[in-house]
Amino acid sequence: METQNCPECGDKIIGRSDKKFCSDACRNAFNNKQNKNSTNNMRNVNNRLRKNYRILSENNFEGKTKINRLKLQNAGFDFDYMTQIVTYKNGSQYFFVYDQGYKILDGDWVLIVKKTD
């Protein structure tokens, strides 16, 4: 029988013949290293989406609010990150971050709306 070593720490693997790691900790560490780049990218995108959602929610306490675009940008809102784009029958285009949406208006104004089910 061939002795296997853990690909993470190099220790001898004891147990089943098809076991690949010496412990759950080594298995997790190995897989975390393998997925690090994609995980970091997802984490960064999710953080931006959360921040955008928080900014829209904090400025839209009545369900529909008109706000200056510069005020959103100064709060750290990033117009490049959204979860959905909806174009209505009348041609209006709304950008949503989960259930908080916004429409770009003339004169640097933004209309913030909350989607209701």
N, C-alpha and C. Protein backbone atom coordinates (compact mmCIF):
# COMPACT_ATOMS: atom_id res chain seq x y z
N MET A 1 0.83 -1.18 0.00
CA MET A 1 0.00 0.00 0.00
C MET A 1 0.88 1.25 0.00
N GLU A 2 0.53 2.20 -0.83
CA GLU A 2 1.31 3.43 -1.00
C GLU A 2 0.90 4.46 0.06
N THR A 3 1.87 5.11 0.68
CA THR A 3 1.60 6.14 1.67
C THR A 3 1.43 7.48 0.96
N GLN A 4 0.36 8.17 1.31
CA GLN A 4 0.10 9.48 0.71
C GLN A 4 0.42 10.58 1.70
N ASN A 5 0.81 11.71 1.15
CA ASN A 5 1.07 12.89 1.97
C ASN A 5 0.05 13.97 1.63
N CYS A 6 -0.30 14.76 2.62
CA CYS A 6 -1.26 15.85 2.46
C CYS A 6 -0.67 16.91 1.51
N PRO A 7 -1.44 17.32 0.47
CA PRO A 7 -0.91 18.33 -0.45
C PRO A 7 -0.77 19.72 0.18
N GLU A 8 -1.39 19.94 1.34
CA GLU A 8 -1.31 21.24 1.99
C GLU A 8 -0.12 21.32 2.94
N CYS A 9 -0.02 20.36 3.86
CA CYS A 9 1.04 20.46 4.89
C CYS A 9 2.14 19.42 4.74
N GLY A 10 1.90 18.38 3.93
CA GLY A 10 2.92 17.36 3.71
C GLY A 10 2.91 16.23 4.71
N ASP A 11 2.04 16.29 5.73
CA ASP A 11 1.95 15.20 6.71
C ASP A 11 1.39 13.94 6.08
N LYS A 12 1.68 12.82 6.73
CA LYS A 12 1.18 11.53 6.27
C LYS A 12 -0.34 11.48 6.48
N ILE A 13 -1.06 10.96 5.48
CA ILE A 13 -2.52 10.84 5.57
C ILE A 13 -2.85 9.47 6.14
N ILE A 14 -3.63 9.50 7.22
CA ILE A 14 -4.05 8.28 7.88
C ILE A 14 -5.56 8.14 7.70
N GLY A 15 -6.01 6.96 7.29
CA GLY A 15 -7.45 6.74 7.13
C GLY A 15 -7.75 6.06 5.82
N ARG A 16 -8.87 6.40 5.25
CA ARG A 16 -9.33 5.76 4.01
C ARG A 16 -8.31 5.92 2.90
N SER A 17 -8.34 4.99 1.98
CA SER A 17 -7.35 5.01 0.89
C SER A 17 -7.60 6.14 -0.11
N ASP A 18 -8.84 6.63 -0.18
CA ASP A 18 -9.14 7.72 -1.11
C ASP A 18 -9.11 9.10 -0.46
N LYS A 19 -8.69 9.16 0.79
CA LYS A 19 -8.60 10.44 1.51
C LYS A 19 -7.48 11.28 0.91
N LYS A 20 -7.73 12.57 0.67
CA LYS A 20 -6.74 13.42 0.01
C LYS A 20 -6.00 14.36 0.95
N PHE A 21 -6.60 14.68 2.10
CA PHE A 21 -6.00 15.63 3.05
C PHE A 21 -5.95 15.00 4.43
N CYS A 22 -5.03 15.47 5.26
CA CYS A 22 -4.89 14.91 6.60
C CYS A 22 -5.96 15.41 7.56
N SER A 23 -6.57 16.59 7.25
CA SER A 23 -7.59 17.15 8.14
C SER A 23 -8.50 18.09 7.36
N ASP A 24 -9.61 18.44 7.99
CA ASP A 24 -10.52 19.41 7.39
C ASP A 24 -9.85 20.78 7.25
N ALA A 25 -9.03 21.12 8.21
CA ALA A 25 -8.35 22.42 8.18
C ALA A 25 -7.44 22.51 6.95
N CYS A 26 -6.70 21.43 6.65
CA CYS A 26 -5.82 21.43 5.47
C CYS A 26 -6.64 21.45 4.19
N ARG A 27 -7.74 20.72 4.15
CA ARG A 27 -8.61 20.72 2.97
C ARG A 27 -9.16 22.12 2.71
N ASN A 28 -9.64 22.77 3.77
CA ASN A 28 -10.16 24.13 3.64
C ASN A 28 -9.09 25.12 3.20
N ALA A 29 -7.92 25.04 3.81
CA ALA A 29 -6.82 25.94 3.46
C ALA A 29 -6.41 25.76 2.00
N PHE A 30 -6.31 24.52 1.56
CA PHE A 30 -5.94 24.23 0.17
C PHE A 30 -6.97 24.80 -0.79
N ASN A 31 -8.24 24.55 -0.54
CA ASN A 31 -9.30 25.04 -1.43
C ASN A 31 -9.42 26.56 -1.39
N ASN A 32 -9.21 27.17 -0.24
CA ASN A 32 -9.24 28.62 -0.16
C ASN A 32 -8.13 29.24 -1.00
N LYS A 33 -6.97 28.63 -1.00
CA LYS A 33 -5.87 29.13 -1.83
C LYS A 33 -6.19 28.99 -3.32
N GLN A 34 -6.83 27.88 -3.68
CA GLN A 34 -7.19 27.64 -5.08
C GLN A 34 -8.20 28.67 -5.58
N ASN A 35 -9.13 29.09 -4.72
CA ASN A 35 -10.22 29.98 -5.12
C ASN A 35 -9.99 31.44 -4.72
N LYS A 36 -8.80 31.77 -4.29
CA LYS A 36 -8.54 33.09 -3.73
C LYS A 36 -8.86 34.23 -4.71
N ASN A 37 -8.40 34.15 -5.95
CA ASN A 37 -8.61 35.25 -6.89
C ASN A 37 -10.08 35.47 -7.19
N SER A 38 -10.81 34.42 -7.49
CA SER A 38 -12.23 34.59 -7.79
C SER A 38 -13.00 35.02 -6.55
N THR A 39 -12.62 34.51 -5.39
CA THR A 39 -13.29 34.88 -4.14
C THR A 39 -13.07 36.36 -3.83
N ASN A 40 -11.86 36.85 -4.03
CA ASN A 40 -11.58 38.27 -3.77
C ASN A 40 -12.39 39.16 -4.70
N ASN A 41 -12.49 38.77 -5.97
CA ASN A 41 -13.25 39.56 -6.93
C ASN A 41 -14.73 39.59 -6.52
N MET A 42 -15.28 38.45 -6.17
CA MET A 42 -16.69 38.40 -5.75
C MET A 42 -16.90 39.22 -4.48
N ARG A 43 -15.97 39.13 -3.55
CA ARG A 43 -16.07 39.89 -2.31
C ARG A 43 -16.07 41.38 -2.59
N ASN A 44 -15.21 41.82 -3.49
CA ASN A 44 -15.13 43.25 -3.83
C ASN A 44 -16.42 43.73 -4.49
N VAL A 45 -16.96 42.94 -5.43
CA VAL A 45 -18.21 43.31 -6.10
C VAL A 45 -19.35 43.35 -5.09
N ASN A 46 -19.44 42.34 -4.24
CA ASN A 46 -20.51 42.31 -3.23
C ASN A 46 -20.40 43.48 -2.27
N ASN A 47 -19.19 43.85 -1.91
CA ASN A 47 -19.01 45.01 -1.02
C ASN A 47 -19.51 46.29 -1.69
N ARG A 48 -19.22 46.45 -2.98
CA ARG A 48 -19.69 47.64 -3.71
C ARG A 48 -21.21 47.66 -3.82
N LEU A 49 -21.80 46.48 -4.09
CA LEU A 49 -23.26 46.39 -4.17
C LEU A 49 -23.90 46.73 -2.82
N ARG A 50 -23.34 46.20 -1.74
CA ARG A 50 -23.86 46.49 -0.39
C ARG A 50 -23.78 47.97 -0.08
N LYS A 51 -22.65 48.59 -0.44
CA LYS A 51 -22.48 50.01 -0.19
C LYS A 51 -23.49 50.82 -1.00
N ASN A 52 -23.65 50.49 -2.27
CA ASN A 52 -24.64 51.18 -3.10
C ASN A 52 -26.04 51.03 -2.52
N TYR A 53 -26.39 49.82 -2.09
CA TYR A 53 -27.71 49.57 -1.52
C TYR A 53 -27.93 50.41 -0.26
N ARG A 54 -26.91 50.44 0.59
CA ARG A 54 -27.01 51.21 1.83
C ARG A 54 -27.22 52.70 1.53
N ILE A 55 -26.48 53.23 0.56
CA ILE A 55 -26.59 54.65 0.21
C ILE A 55 -27.98 54.95 -0.35
N LEU A 56 -28.49 54.10 -1.24
CA LEU A 56 -29.83 54.32 -1.78
C LEU A 56 -30.88 54.24 -0.68
N SER A 57 -30.77 53.24 0.19
CA SER A 57 -31.74 53.06 1.28
C SER A 57 -31.74 54.24 2.24
N GLU A 58 -30.57 54.72 2.58
CA GLU A 58 -30.46 55.84 3.53
C GLU A 58 -31.05 57.13 2.96
N ASN A 59 -31.07 57.25 1.64
CA ASN A 59 -31.59 58.46 1.01
C ASN A 59 -33.01 58.31 0.49
N ASN A 60 -33.59 57.12 0.66
CA ASN A 60 -34.93 56.86 0.12
C ASN A 60 -35.84 56.31 1.23
N PHE A 61 -36.15 57.13 2.19
CA PHE A 61 -36.97 56.67 3.31
C PHE A 61 -38.46 56.79 3.06
N GLU A 62 -38.87 57.37 1.94
CA GLU A 62 -40.29 57.51 1.63
C GLU A 62 -40.72 56.62 0.46
N GLY A 63 -39.82 55.84 -0.11
CA GLY A 63 -40.17 54.96 -1.22
C GLY A 63 -39.91 55.57 -2.59
N LYS A 64 -39.83 56.90 -2.64
CA LYS A 64 -39.57 57.61 -3.90
C LYS A 64 -38.96 58.96 -3.55
N THR A 65 -37.75 59.21 -4.00
CA THR A 65 -37.03 60.42 -3.63
C THR A 65 -36.23 60.95 -4.81
N LYS A 66 -36.17 62.24 -4.94
CA LYS A 66 -35.35 62.90 -5.96
C LYS A 66 -34.12 63.47 -5.24
N ILE A 67 -32.94 63.18 -5.78
CA ILE A 67 -31.69 63.60 -5.12
C ILE A 67 -30.69 64.01 -6.20
N ASN A 68 -29.77 64.87 -5.82
CA ASN A 68 -28.72 65.31 -6.73
C ASN A 68 -27.70 64.19 -6.91
N ARG A 69 -27.30 63.97 -8.15
CA ARG A 69 -26.33 62.91 -8.47
C ARG A 69 -25.02 63.09 -7.70
N LEU A 70 -24.58 64.33 -7.56
CA LEU A 70 -23.34 64.63 -6.86
C LEU A 70 -23.40 64.20 -5.40
N LYS A 71 -24.57 64.33 -4.77
CA LYS A 71 -24.72 63.91 -3.37
C LYS A 71 -24.51 62.39 -3.24
N LEU A 72 -25.03 61.63 -4.20
CA LEU A 72 -24.82 60.17 -4.18
C LEU A 72 -23.34 59.84 -4.39
N GLN A 73 -22.71 60.51 -5.35
CA GLN A 73 -21.29 60.26 -5.61
C GLN A 73 -20.43 60.63 -4.41
N ASN A 74 -20.74 61.72 -3.75
CA ASN A 74 -19.97 62.13 -2.57
C ASN A 74 -20.13 61.14 -1.42
N ALA A 75 -21.27 60.45 -1.39
CA ALA A 75 -21.49 59.43 -0.35
C ALA A 75 -20.76 58.13 -0.69
N GLY A 76 -20.19 58.05 -1.90
CA GLY A 76 -19.44 56.86 -2.31
C GLY A 76 -20.20 55.94 -3.24
N PHE A 77 -21.34 56.39 -3.76
CA PHE A 77 -22.13 55.56 -4.67
C PHE A 77 -21.37 55.36 -5.97
N ASP A 78 -21.35 54.12 -6.46
CA ASP A 78 -20.66 53.77 -7.70
C ASP A 78 -21.71 53.36 -8.73
N PHE A 79 -21.94 54.20 -9.73
CA PHE A 79 -22.97 53.97 -10.73
C PHE A 79 -22.67 52.79 -11.65
N ASP A 80 -21.49 52.21 -11.57
CA ASP A 80 -21.13 51.06 -12.39
C ASP A 80 -21.61 49.74 -11.82
N TYR A 81 -22.10 49.73 -10.57
CA TYR A 81 -22.48 48.48 -9.92
C TYR A 81 -23.96 48.47 -9.59
N MET A 82 -24.66 47.51 -10.21
CA MET A 82 -26.10 47.33 -9.99
C MET A 82 -26.41 45.86 -10.19
N THR A 83 -27.61 45.45 -9.80
CA THR A 83 -27.99 44.04 -9.95
C THR A 83 -28.93 43.82 -11.11
N GLN A 84 -29.61 44.87 -11.58
CA GLN A 84 -30.60 44.69 -12.63
C GLN A 84 -30.88 46.01 -13.34
N ILE A 85 -31.15 45.92 -14.64
CA ILE A 85 -31.61 47.07 -15.42
C ILE A 85 -33.00 46.73 -15.93
N VAL A 86 -33.97 47.60 -15.66
CA VAL A 86 -35.34 47.37 -16.09
C VAL A 86 -35.76 48.52 -17.01
N THR A 87 -36.25 48.15 -18.21
CA THR A 87 -36.80 49.14 -19.13
C THR A 87 -38.31 48.93 -19.19
N TYR A 88 -39.04 49.96 -18.80
CA TYR A 88 -40.50 49.87 -18.77
C TYR A 88 -41.09 50.19 -20.14
N LYS A 89 -42.39 49.92 -20.31
CA LYS A 89 -43.07 50.10 -21.59
C LYS A 89 -42.96 51.53 -22.13
N ASN A 90 -42.92 52.50 -21.22
CA ASN A 90 -42.83 53.90 -21.65
C ASN A 90 -41.40 54.30 -22.03
N GLY A 91 -40.47 53.36 -21.96
CA GLY A 91 -39.09 53.62 -22.35
C GLY A 91 -38.18 54.04 -21.20
N SER A 92 -38.75 54.26 -20.02
CA SER A 92 -37.95 54.64 -18.85
C SER A 92 -37.04 53.48 -18.44
N GLN A 93 -35.80 53.81 -18.16
CA GLN A 93 -34.84 52.79 -17.76
C GLN A 93 -34.43 53.03 -16.31
N TYR A 94 -34.60 52.00 -15.49
CA TYR A 94 -34.24 52.06 -14.08
C TYR A 94 -33.13 51.06 -13.81
N PHE A 95 -32.21 51.46 -12.97
CA PHE A 95 -31.10 50.61 -12.55
C PHE A 95 -31.36 50.22 -11.10
N PHE A 96 -31.34 48.92 -10.82
CA PHE A 96 -31.66 48.44 -9.48
C PHE A 96 -30.45 47.85 -8.79
N VAL A 97 -30.39 48.08 -7.48
CA VAL A 97 -29.49 47.39 -6.58
C VAL A 97 -30.43 46.67 -5.62
N TYR A 98 -30.69 45.41 -5.94
CA TYR A 98 -31.71 44.61 -5.26
C TYR A 98 -33.07 45.29 -5.40
N ASP A 99 -33.71 45.74 -4.32
CA ASP A 99 -35.04 46.34 -4.47
C ASP A 99 -35.01 47.87 -4.49
N GLN A 100 -33.84 48.46 -4.41
CA GLN A 100 -33.70 49.91 -4.51
C GLN A 100 -33.26 50.24 -5.93
N GLY A 101 -34.02 51.11 -6.59
CA GLY A 101 -33.70 51.46 -7.96
C GLY A 101 -33.51 52.96 -8.14
N TYR A 102 -32.95 53.31 -9.27
CA TYR A 102 -32.79 54.74 -9.57
C TYR A 102 -32.89 54.96 -11.07
N LYS A 103 -33.31 56.16 -11.40
CA LYS A 103 -33.43 56.59 -12.79
C LYS A 103 -32.67 57.90 -12.91
N ILE A 104 -31.84 58.03 -13.93
CA ILE A 104 -31.10 59.26 -14.17
C ILE A 104 -32.05 60.26 -14.81
N LEU A 105 -32.18 61.43 -14.21
CA LEU A 105 -33.04 62.50 -14.72
C LEU A 105 -32.18 63.61 -15.31
N ASP A 106 -32.82 64.56 -15.96
CA ASP A 106 -32.10 65.71 -16.51
C ASP A 106 -31.55 66.58 -15.40
N GLY A 107 -30.51 67.31 -15.71
CA GLY A 107 -29.96 68.29 -14.78
C GLY A 107 -29.28 67.70 -13.58
N ASP A 108 -28.61 66.57 -13.74
CA ASP A 108 -27.86 65.93 -12.65
C ASP A 108 -28.74 65.49 -11.49
N TRP A 109 -29.98 65.15 -11.75
CA TRP A 109 -30.88 64.64 -10.71
C TRP A 109 -31.08 63.14 -10.91
N VAL A 110 -31.34 62.47 -9.80
CA VAL A 110 -31.57 61.05 -9.80
C VAL A 110 -32.86 60.79 -9.02
N LEU A 111 -33.73 59.96 -9.58
CA LEU A 111 -34.94 59.55 -8.89
C LEU A 111 -34.71 58.20 -8.29
N ILE A 112 -34.82 58.07 -6.97
CA ILE A 112 -34.65 56.80 -6.29
C ILE A 112 -36.02 56.23 -5.97
N VAL A 113 -36.21 54.96 -6.29
CA VAL A 113 -37.49 54.28 -6.03
C VAL A 113 -37.23 52.96 -5.32
N LYS A 114 -38.25 52.48 -4.63
CA LYS A 114 -38.16 51.17 -4.01
C LYS A 114 -39.15 50.26 -4.71
N LYS A 115 -38.66 49.11 -5.20
CA LYS A 115 -39.52 48.15 -5.88
C LYS A 115 -40.41 47.46 -4.86
N THR A 116 -41.69 47.43 -5.16
CA THR A 116 -42.64 46.75 -4.28
C THR A 116 -43.13 45.50 -4.98
N ASP A 117 -43.36 44.46 -4.21
CA ASP A 117 -43.83 43.20 -4.79
C ASP A 117 -45.31 43.20 -5.02
